[in-house]
């Protein structure tokens, strides 16, 4: 029996990227292989998962954790799937659980329900394990932090994603340097310059400051010099006050 630790299951709107505003069921999984300085999501694994009692209520019941894939699928089926765009599999970093997702996602797809993967884009091998059951890929490109860079992994990940509807999201803050943005832009251009690219101004955290509007507009123009579709989209769920 396959079991999977889950942080929470809830109904809300997508708050980031080109699908901002669509209604989704969110399956949030614990743990992450990165420690991004602006992260706003808990990554711990808890003895109980939070299950939203009524869709959109933000009132939660608690279910023993980890949970079998069979029981988890039953919980997801309890939502009226016809009212949703997709199942957003998010984290943490959900690809740390690729083996377990390879058991769950075929069941979800068997119901004819689209799967939307939110990932930091650094684990290309686990991606391949679940790729047949994914429809949309929201892939981060992480600009360097703490002496770490991820360019090679990001490029490999993006190339493996091309058979799906993939877009790239880059969180930007006031202290970003043009050299790092240039590497991100050129990486995307090498793979496919038509990939939708989202510059996401930082929601201020841990002393990091959001970029000035003039910076974001300049960076967008810089990216558009080599890419076809570059958008500036903030985290809308933050100022709407929803999960």
C-alpha atoms as a PDB file:
ATOM      1  CA  UNK A   1       0.000   0.000   0.000  1.00  0.00           C
ATOM      2  CA  UNK A   2       1.408   3.376  -1.062  1.00  0.00           C
ATOM      3  CA  UNK A   3       1.166   6.142   1.545  1.00  0.00           C
ATOM      4  CA  UNK A   4       1.823   9.841   1.099  1.00  0.00           C
ATOM      5  CA  UNK A   5       2.318  12.634   3.650  1.00  0.00           C
ATOM      6  CA  UNK A   6       0.046  15.581   2.883  1.00  0.00           C
ATOM      7  CA  UNK A   7       0.054  19.083   4.367  1.00  0.00           C
ATOM      8  CA  UNK A   8      -3.434  20.152   3.297  1.00  0.00           C
ATOM      9  CA  UNK A   9      -6.226  19.834   0.748  1.00  0.00           C
ATOM     10  CA  UNK A  10      -8.360  22.882   0.016  1.00  0.00           C
ATOM     11  CA  UNK A  11     -10.281  24.783  -2.648  1.00  0.00           C
ATOM     12  CA  UNK A  12      -9.153  28.229  -3.746  1.00  0.00           C
ATOM     13  CA  UNK A  13      -8.101  30.330  -6.709  1.00  0.00           C
ATOM     14  CA  UNK A  14      -4.733  30.137  -8.376  1.00  0.00           C
ATOM     15  CA  UNK A  15      -2.851  33.216  -7.216  1.00  0.00           C
ATOM     16  CA  UNK A  16       0.201  33.195  -9.475  1.00  0.00           C
ATOM     17  CA  UNK A  17       1.123  33.049 -13.133  1.00  0.00           C
ATOM     18  CA  UNK A  18      -0.944  33.125 -16.332  1.00  0.00           C
ATOM     19  CA  UNK A  19      -3.762  31.037 -14.798  1.00  0.00           C
ATOM     20  CA  UNK A  20      -4.312  33.491 -11.975  1.00  0.00           C
ATOM     21  CA  UNK A  21      -7.928  33.505 -10.845  1.00  0.00           C
ATOM     22  CA  UNK A  22      -8.974  30.014 -11.951  1.00  0.00           C
ATOM     23  CA  UNK A  23     -10.557  27.762  -9.337  1.00  0.00           C
ATOM     24  CA  UNK A  24      -8.443  24.772  -8.303  1.00  0.00           C
ATOM     25  CA  UNK A  25      -8.255  22.032  -5.730  1.00  0.00           C
ATOM     26  CA  UNK A  26      -4.874  22.320  -4.016  1.00  0.00           C
ATOM     27  CA  UNK A  27      -2.994  19.258  -2.832  1.00  0.00           C
ATOM     28  CA  UNK A  28      -0.063  20.577  -0.798  1.00  0.00           C
ATOM     29  CA  UNK A  29       2.781  18.202   0.014  1.00  0.00           C
ATOM     30  CA  UNK A  30       5.574  18.702   2.585  1.00  0.00           C
ATOM     31  CA  UNK A  31       9.361  18.986   2.304  1.00  0.00           C
ATOM     32  CA  UNK A  32      11.517  20.904  -0.137  1.00  0.00           C
ATOM     33  CA  UNK A  33      15.017  20.452  -1.498  1.00  0.00           C
ATOM     34  CA  UNK A  34      15.613  24.239  -1.434  1.00  0.00           C
ATOM     35  CA  UNK A  35      15.483  26.933   1.237  1.00  0.00           C
ATOM     36  CA  UNK A  36      14.503  30.012  -0.749  1.00  0.00           C
ATOM     37  CA  UNK A  37      14.853  33.184   1.365  1.00  0.00           C
ATOM     38  CA  UNK A  38      11.415  34.474   0.304  1.00  0.00           C
ATOM     39  CA  UNK A  39       9.491  31.214   0.853  1.00  0.00           C
ATOM     40  CA  UNK A  40       6.070  31.788   2.444  1.00  0.00           C
ATOM     41  CA  UNK A  41       4.927  28.158   2.693  1.00  0.00           C
ATOM     42  CA  UNK A  42       5.386  25.681   5.564  1.00  0.00           C
ATOM     43  CA  UNK A  43       7.283  22.567   4.455  1.00  0.00           C
ATOM     44  CA  UNK A  44       7.110  20.466   7.634  1.00  0.00           C
ATOM     45  CA  UNK A  45       5.332  17.114   7.698  1.00  0.00           C
ATOM     46  CA  UNK A  46       2.624  16.994  10.369  1.00  0.00           C
ATOM     47  CA  UNK A  47       0.863  14.030  12.070  1.00  0.00           C
ATOM     48  CA  UNK A  48      -2.458  15.276  10.649  1.00  0.00           C
ATOM     49  CA  UNK A  49      -3.331  16.809   7.295  1.00  0.00           C
ATOM     50  CA  UNK A  50      -5.744  19.724   7.007  1.00  0.00           C
ATOM     51  CA  UNK A  51      -8.851  18.978   4.931  1.00  0.00           C
ATOM     52  CA  UNK A  52     -11.133  21.879   4.070  1.00  0.00           C
ATOM     53  CA  UNK A  53     -14.581  21.087   5.432  1.00  0.00           C
ATOM     54  CA  UNK A  54     -16.558  22.963   2.773  1.00  0.00           C
ATOM     55  CA  UNK A  55     -14.958  24.224  -0.447  1.00  0.00           C
ATOM     56  CA  UNK A  56     -13.775  27.801  -0.010  1.00  0.00           C
ATOM     57  CA  UNK A  57     -14.729  27.950   3.688  1.00  0.00           C
ATOM     58  CA  UNK A  58     -11.128  27.942   5.008  1.00  0.00           C
ATOM     59  CA  UNK A  59     -12.495  25.829   7.871  1.00  0.00           C
ATOM     60  CA  UNK A  60     -10.534  22.605   8.244  1.00  0.00           C
ATOM     61  CA  UNK A  61     -10.927  19.110   9.646  1.00  0.00           C
ATOM     62  CA  UNK A  62      -7.907  16.959  10.443  1.00  0.00           C
ATOM     63  CA  UNK A  63      -7.081  13.522   9.031  1.00  0.00           C
ATOM     64  CA  UNK A  64      -4.325  11.155  10.150  1.00  0.00           C
ATOM     65  CA  UNK A  65      -1.097  11.543   8.198  1.00  0.00           C
ATOM     66  CA  UNK A  66       0.490  10.000   6.159  1.00  0.00           C
ATOM     67  CA  UNK A  67      -2.498   8.764   4.193  1.00  0.00           C
ATOM     68  CA  UNK A  68      -2.872   5.893   1.742  1.00  0.00           C
ATOM     69  CA  UNK A  69      -3.164   6.855  -1.906  1.00  0.00           C
ATOM     70  CA  UNK A  70      -6.522   5.083  -2.045  1.00  0.00           C
ATOM     71  CA  UNK A  71      -7.904   7.126   0.867  1.00  0.00           C
ATOM     72  CA  UNK A  72      -6.419  10.339  -0.510  1.00  0.00           C
ATOM     73  CA  UNK A  73      -8.085   9.772  -3.874  1.00  0.00           C
ATOM     74  CA  UNK A  74     -11.419   9.274  -2.092  1.00  0.00           C
ATOM     75  CA  UNK A  75     -10.964  12.630  -0.313  1.00  0.00           C
ATOM     76  CA  UNK A  76     -10.270  14.353  -3.633  1.00  0.00           C
ATOM     77  CA  UNK A  77     -13.329  12.759  -5.208  1.00  0.00           C
ATOM     78  CA  UNK A  78     -15.479  14.308  -2.470  1.00  0.00           C
ATOM     79  CA  UNK A  79     -14.985  17.672  -4.172  1.00  0.00           C
ATOM     80  CA  UNK A  80     -17.274  18.376  -7.129  1.00  0.00           C
ATOM     81  CA  UNK A  81     -14.523  18.198  -9.743  1.00  0.00           C
ATOM     82  CA  UNK A  82     -16.736  19.667 -12.453  1.00  0.00           C
ATOM     83  CA  UNK A  83     -16.437  23.111 -10.867  1.00  0.00           C
ATOM     84  CA  UNK A  84     -12.645  23.266 -11.039  1.00  0.00           C
ATOM     85  CA  UNK A  85      -9.973  24.003 -13.607  1.00  0.00           C
ATOM     86  CA  UNK A  86      -7.516  21.398 -12.288  1.00  0.00           C
ATOM     87  CA  UNK A  87      -5.827  19.755  -9.334  1.00  0.00           C
ATOM     88  CA  UNK A  88      -2.833  21.855  -8.304  1.00  0.00           C
ATOM     89  CA  UNK A  89      -0.113  19.607  -6.883  1.00  0.00           C
ATOM     90  CA  UNK A  90       2.094  21.939  -4.903  1.00  0.00           C
ATOM     91  CA  UNK A  91       4.442  22.071  -1.931  1.00  0.00           C
ATOM     92  CA  UNK A  92       7.064  22.288  -0.669  1.00  0.00           C
ATOM     93  CA  UNK A  93       8.461  20.522  -3.679  1.00  0.00           C
ATOM     94  CA  UNK A  94       5.981  17.869  -4.853  1.00  0.00           C
ATOM     95  CA  UNK A  95       8.515  16.054  -7.039  1.00  0.00           C
ATOM     96  CA  UNK A  96      10.188  14.769  -3.873  1.00  0.00           C
ATOM     97  CA  UNK A  97       7.153  12.457  -3.809  1.00  0.00           C
ATOM     98  CA  UNK A  98       7.274  11.383  -7.468  1.00  0.00           C
ATOM     99  CA  UNK A  99       7.018   7.663  -6.650  1.00  0.00           C
ATOM    100  CA  UNK A 100       3.828   8.195  -4.656  1.00  0.00           C
ATOM    101  CA  UNK A 101       2.389  10.621  -7.202  1.00  0.00           C
ATOM    102  CA  UNK A 102       2.987   8.029  -9.910  1.00  0.00           C
ATOM    103  CA  UNK A 103       0.381   5.950  -8.056  1.00  0.00           C
ATOM    104  CA  UNK A 104      -2.079   8.790  -7.370  1.00  0.00           C
ATOM    105  CA  UNK A 105      -2.086  10.825 -10.584  1.00  0.00           C
ATOM    106  CA  UNK A 106      -3.205   8.057 -12.970  1.00  0.00           C
ATOM    107  CA  UNK A 107      -6.317   7.738 -10.780  1.00  0.00           C
ATOM    108  CA  UNK A 108      -6.938  11.481 -11.033  1.00  0.00           C
ATOM    109  CA  UNK A 109      -6.463  11.431 -14.797  1.00  0.00           C
ATOM    110  CA  UNK A 110      -8.751   8.402 -14.983  1.00  0.00           C
ATOM    111  CA  UNK A 111     -11.514  10.741 -13.789  1.00  0.00           C
ATOM    112  CA  UNK A 112     -10.709  13.050 -16.703  1.00  0.00           C
ATOM    113  CA  UNK A 113      -9.402  15.734 -14.323  1.00  0.00           C
ATOM    114  CA  UNK A 114      -6.424  17.926 -15.396  1.00  0.00           C
ATOM    115  CA  UNK A 115      -3.278  18.038 -13.250  1.00  0.00           C
ATOM    116  CA  UNK A 116      -1.347  21.291 -12.671  1.00  0.00           C
ATOM    117  CA  UNK A 117       2.152  20.837 -11.222  1.00  0.00           C
ATOM    118  CA  UNK A 118       3.829  23.645  -9.252  1.00  0.00           C
ATOM    119  CA  UNK A 119       7.564  23.002  -8.961  1.00  0.00           C
ATOM    120  CA  UNK A 120      10.902  24.682  -8.353  1.00  0.00           C
ATOM    121  CA  UNK A 121      12.223  23.138 -11.562  1.00  0.00           C
ATOM    122  CA  UNK A 122      15.343  21.511 -10.124  1.00  0.00           C
ATOM    123  CA  UNK A 123      14.399  17.807 -10.230  1.00  0.00           C
ATOM    124  CA  UNK A 124      14.206  16.742 -13.888  1.00  0.00           C
ATOM    125  CA  UNK A 125      14.526  12.993 -13.279  1.00  0.00           C
ATOM    126  CA  UNK A 126      11.520  12.763 -10.900  1.00  0.00           C
ATOM    127  CA  UNK A 127       9.535  14.926 -13.337  1.00  0.00           C
ATOM    128  CA  UNK A 128       9.915  12.272 -16.025  1.00  0.00           C
ATOM    129  CA  UNK A 129       8.366   9.726 -13.686  1.00  0.00           C
ATOM    130  CA  UNK A 130       5.015  11.556 -13.509  1.00  0.00           C
ATOM    131  CA  UNK A 131       5.072  13.535 -16.759  1.00  0.00           C
ATOM    132  CA  UNK A 132       2.505  11.346 -18.581  1.00  0.00           C
ATOM    133  CA  UNK A 133      -0.199  12.412 -16.093  1.00  0.00           C
ATOM    134  CA  UNK A 134       0.582  16.150 -15.931  1.00  0.00           C
ATOM    135  CA  UNK A 135      -1.182  18.739 -18.104  1.00  0.00           C
ATOM    136  CA  UNK A 136       0.224  22.077 -16.893  1.00  0.00           C
ATOM    137  CA  UNK A 137       3.662  22.825 -15.444  1.00  0.00           C
ATOM    138  CA  UNK A 138       4.303  25.970 -13.430  1.00  0.00           C
ATOM    139  CA  UNK A 139       8.097  25.958 -13.247  1.00  0.00           C
ATOM    140  CA  UNK A 140      10.188  28.340 -11.188  1.00  0.00           C
ATOM    141  CA  UNK A 141      13.561  29.582 -12.301  1.00  0.00           C
ATOM    142  CA  UNK A 142      15.424  30.332  -9.102  1.00  0.00           C
ATOM    143  CA  UNK A 143      17.866  33.186  -9.362  1.00  0.00           C
ATOM    144  CA  UNK A 144      21.077  32.504  -7.392  1.00  0.00           C
ATOM    145  CA  UNK A 145      20.897  32.723  -3.603  1.00  0.00           C
ATOM    146  CA  UNK A 146      23.168  31.594  -0.776  1.00  0.00           C
ATOM    147  CA  UNK A 147      25.961  30.771  -3.213  1.00  0.00           C
ATOM    148  CA  UNK A 148      23.729  28.293  -5.053  1.00  0.00           C
ATOM    149  CA  UNK A 149      22.926  28.291  -8.770  1.00  0.00           C
ATOM    150  CA  UNK A 150      20.561  25.970 -10.642  1.00  0.00           C
ATOM    151  CA  UNK A 151      21.035  26.844 -14.316  1.00  0.00           C
ATOM    152  CA  UNK A 152      21.873  23.365 -15.659  1.00  0.00           C
ATOM    153  CA  UNK A 153      19.058  21.639 -13.752  1.00  0.00           C
ATOM    154  CA  UNK A 154      16.594  24.322 -14.829  1.00  0.00           C
ATOM    155  CA  UNK A 155      17.510  23.967 -18.485  1.00  0.00           C
ATOM    156  CA  UNK A 156      17.222  20.177 -18.410  1.00  0.00           C
ATOM    157  CA  UNK A 157      13.906  20.420 -16.570  1.00  0.00           C
ATOM    158  CA  UNK A 158      12.486  22.918 -19.040  1.00  0.00           C
ATOM    159  CA  UNK A 159      13.502  20.801 -22.033  1.00  0.00           C
ATOM    160  CA  UNK A 160      11.772  17.761 -20.526  1.00  0.00           C
ATOM    161  CA  UNK A 161       8.611  19.846 -20.011  1.00  0.00           C
ATOM    162  CA  UNK A 162       8.120  20.911 -23.614  1.00  0.00           C
ATOM    163  CA  UNK A 163       5.533  18.243 -24.434  1.00  0.00           C
ATOM    164  CA  UNK A 164       3.237  19.836 -21.844  1.00  0.00           C
ATOM    165  CA  UNK A 165       1.836  23.320 -21.356  1.00  0.00           C
ATOM    166  CA  UNK A 166       4.688  24.867 -19.405  1.00  0.00           C
ATOM    167  CA  UNK A 167       5.334  28.389 -18.223  1.00  0.00           C
ATOM    168  CA  UNK A 168       8.203  29.855 -16.229  1.00  0.00           C
ATOM    169  CA  UNK A 169       7.908  32.017 -13.132  1.00  0.00           C
ATOM    170  CA  UNK A 170      10.786  34.124 -11.762  1.00  0.00           C
ATOM    171  CA  UNK A 171      10.468  35.841  -8.379  1.00  0.00           C
ATOM    172  CA  UNK A 172      12.272  39.175  -8.518  1.00  0.00           C
ATOM    173  CA  UNK A 173      13.280  41.620  -5.789  1.00  0.00           C
ATOM    174  CA  UNK A 174      15.005  44.978  -5.582  1.00  0.00           C
ATOM    175  CA  UNK A 175      18.556  43.620  -5.252  1.00  0.00           C
ATOM    176  CA  UNK A 176      18.508  41.299  -8.280  1.00  0.00           C
ATOM    177  CA  UNK A 177      21.368  41.955 -10.674  1.00  0.00           C
ATOM    178  CA  UNK A 178      21.050  42.135 -14.445  1.00  0.00           C
ATOM    179  CA  UNK A 179      23.660  39.395 -14.996  1.00  0.00           C
ATOM    180  CA  UNK A 180      21.432  36.809 -13.259  1.00  0.00           C
ATOM    181  CA  UNK A 181      18.339  37.978 -15.106  1.00  0.00           C
ATOM    182  CA  UNK A 182      20.248  37.748 -18.377  1.00  0.00           C
ATOM    183  CA  UNK A 183      21.199  34.123 -17.645  1.00  0.00           C
ATOM    184  CA  UNK A 184      17.560  33.290 -16.910  1.00  0.00           C
ATOM    185  CA  UNK A 185      16.360  35.017 -20.073  1.00  0.00           C
ATOM    186  CA  UNK A 186      18.948  33.363 -22.282  1.00  0.00           C
ATOM    187  CA  UNK A 187      18.246  29.937 -20.770  1.00  0.00           C
ATOM    188  CA  UNK A 188      14.569  30.213 -21.709  1.00  0.00           C
ATOM    189  CA  UNK A 189      15.430  31.559 -25.163  1.00  0.00           C
ATOM    190  CA  UNK A 190      17.737  28.593 -25.853  1.00  0.00           C
ATOM    191  CA  UNK A 191      14.968  26.129 -25.020  1.00  0.00           C
ATOM    192  CA  UNK A 192      12.014  27.923 -26.652  1.00  0.00           C
ATOM    193  CA  UNK A 193      11.563  31.711 -26.841  1.00  0.00           C
ATOM    194  CA  UNK A 194       7.764  31.327 -27.033  1.00  0.00           C
ATOM    195  CA  UNK A 195       7.488  29.907 -23.483  1.00  0.00           C
ATOM    196  CA  UNK A 196       5.361  32.241 -21.361  1.00  0.00           C
ATOM    197  CA  UNK A 197       7.589  33.877 -18.758  1.00  0.00           C
ATOM    198  CA  UNK A 198       6.223  35.558 -15.636  1.00  0.00           C
ATOM    199  CA  UNK A 199       8.203  38.085 -13.616  1.00  0.00           C
ATOM    200  CA  UNK A 200       6.685  37.914 -10.137  1.00  0.00           C
ATOM    201  CA  UNK A 201       7.543  40.861  -7.875  1.00  0.00           C
ATOM    202  CA  UNK A 202       8.502  39.616  -4.442  1.00  0.00           C
ATOM    203  CA  UNK A 203       6.005  39.729  -1.599  1.00  0.00           C
ATOM    204  CA  UNK A 204       8.305  41.317   0.981  1.00  0.00           C
ATOM    205  CA  UNK A 205       9.757  38.815   3.473  1.00  0.00           C
ATOM    206  CA  UNK A 206      12.940  38.245   5.517  1.00  0.00           C
ATOM    207  CA  UNK A 207      14.284  41.706   4.766  1.00  0.00           C
ATOM    208  CA  UNK A 208      13.971  41.315   0.999  1.00  0.00           C
ATOM    209  CA  UNK A 209      12.301  44.284  -0.682  1.00  0.00           C
ATOM    210  CA  UNK A 210      10.018  44.286  -3.694  1.00  0.00           C
ATOM    211  CA  UNK A 211      11.455  45.870  -6.845  1.00  0.00           C
ATOM    212  CA  UNK A 212      10.522  49.374  -7.897  1.00  0.00           C
ATOM    213  CA  UNK A 213       7.953  49.588 -10.726  1.00  0.00           C
ATOM    214  CA  UNK A 214      10.614  51.120 -12.958  1.00  0.00           C
ATOM    215  CA  UNK A 215      12.872  48.099 -12.360  1.00  0.00           C
ATOM    216  CA  UNK A 216      10.160  45.607 -13.255  1.00  0.00           C
ATOM    217  CA  UNK A 217       9.258  47.474 -16.446  1.00  0.00           C
ATOM    218  CA  UNK A 218      12.906  47.664 -17.455  1.00  0.00           C
ATOM    219  CA  UNK A 219      13.417  43.944 -16.789  1.00  0.00           C
ATOM    220  CA  UNK A 220      10.287  43.055 -18.748  1.00  0.00           C
ATOM    221  CA  UNK A 221      11.563  45.012 -21.750  1.00  0.00           C
ATOM    222  CA  UNK A 222      14.940  43.302 -21.388  1.00  0.00           C
ATOM    223  CA  UNK A 223      13.341  39.846 -21.437  1.00  0.00           C
ATOM    224  CA  UNK A 224      11.151  40.785 -24.401  1.00  0.00           C
ATOM    225  CA  UNK A 225      14.302  41.462 -26.406  1.00  0.00           C
ATOM    226  CA  UNK A 226      14.655  37.655 -26.766  1.00  0.00           C
ATOM    227  CA  UNK A 227      11.332  36.171 -25.587  1.00  0.00           C
ATOM    228  CA  UNK A 228       7.848  36.453 -27.097  1.00  0.00           C
ATOM    229  CA  UNK A 229       5.556  36.465 -24.039  1.00  0.00           C
ATOM    230  CA  UNK A 230       6.745  38.099 -20.810  1.00  0.00           C
ATOM    231  CA  UNK A 231       4.233  39.160 -18.173  1.00  0.00           C
ATOM    232  CA  UNK A 232       4.461  40.912 -14.799  1.00  0.00           C
ATOM    233  CA  UNK A 233       2.053  39.236 -12.360  1.00  0.00           C
ATOM    234  CA  UNK A 234       2.227  39.649  -8.553  1.00  0.00           C
ATOM    235  CA  UNK A 235       0.925  37.148  -5.990  1.00  0.00           C
ATOM    236  CA  UNK A 236      -2.755  38.058  -6.211  1.00  0.00           C
ATOM    237  CA  UNK A 237      -3.911  35.646  -3.479  1.00  0.00           C
ATOM    238  CA  UNK A 238      -1.841  37.586  -0.937  1.00  0.00           C
ATOM    239  CA  UNK A 239      -3.715  40.858  -1.303  1.00  0.00           C
ATOM    240  CA  UNK A 240      -7.033  39.037  -1.706  1.00  0.00           C
ATOM    241  CA  UNK A 241      -6.386  37.349   1.632  1.00  0.00           C
ATOM    242  CA  UNK A 242      -7.078  33.780   0.502  1.00  0.00           C
ATOM    243  CA  UNK A 243      -5.005  30.613   0.864  1.00  0.00           C
END
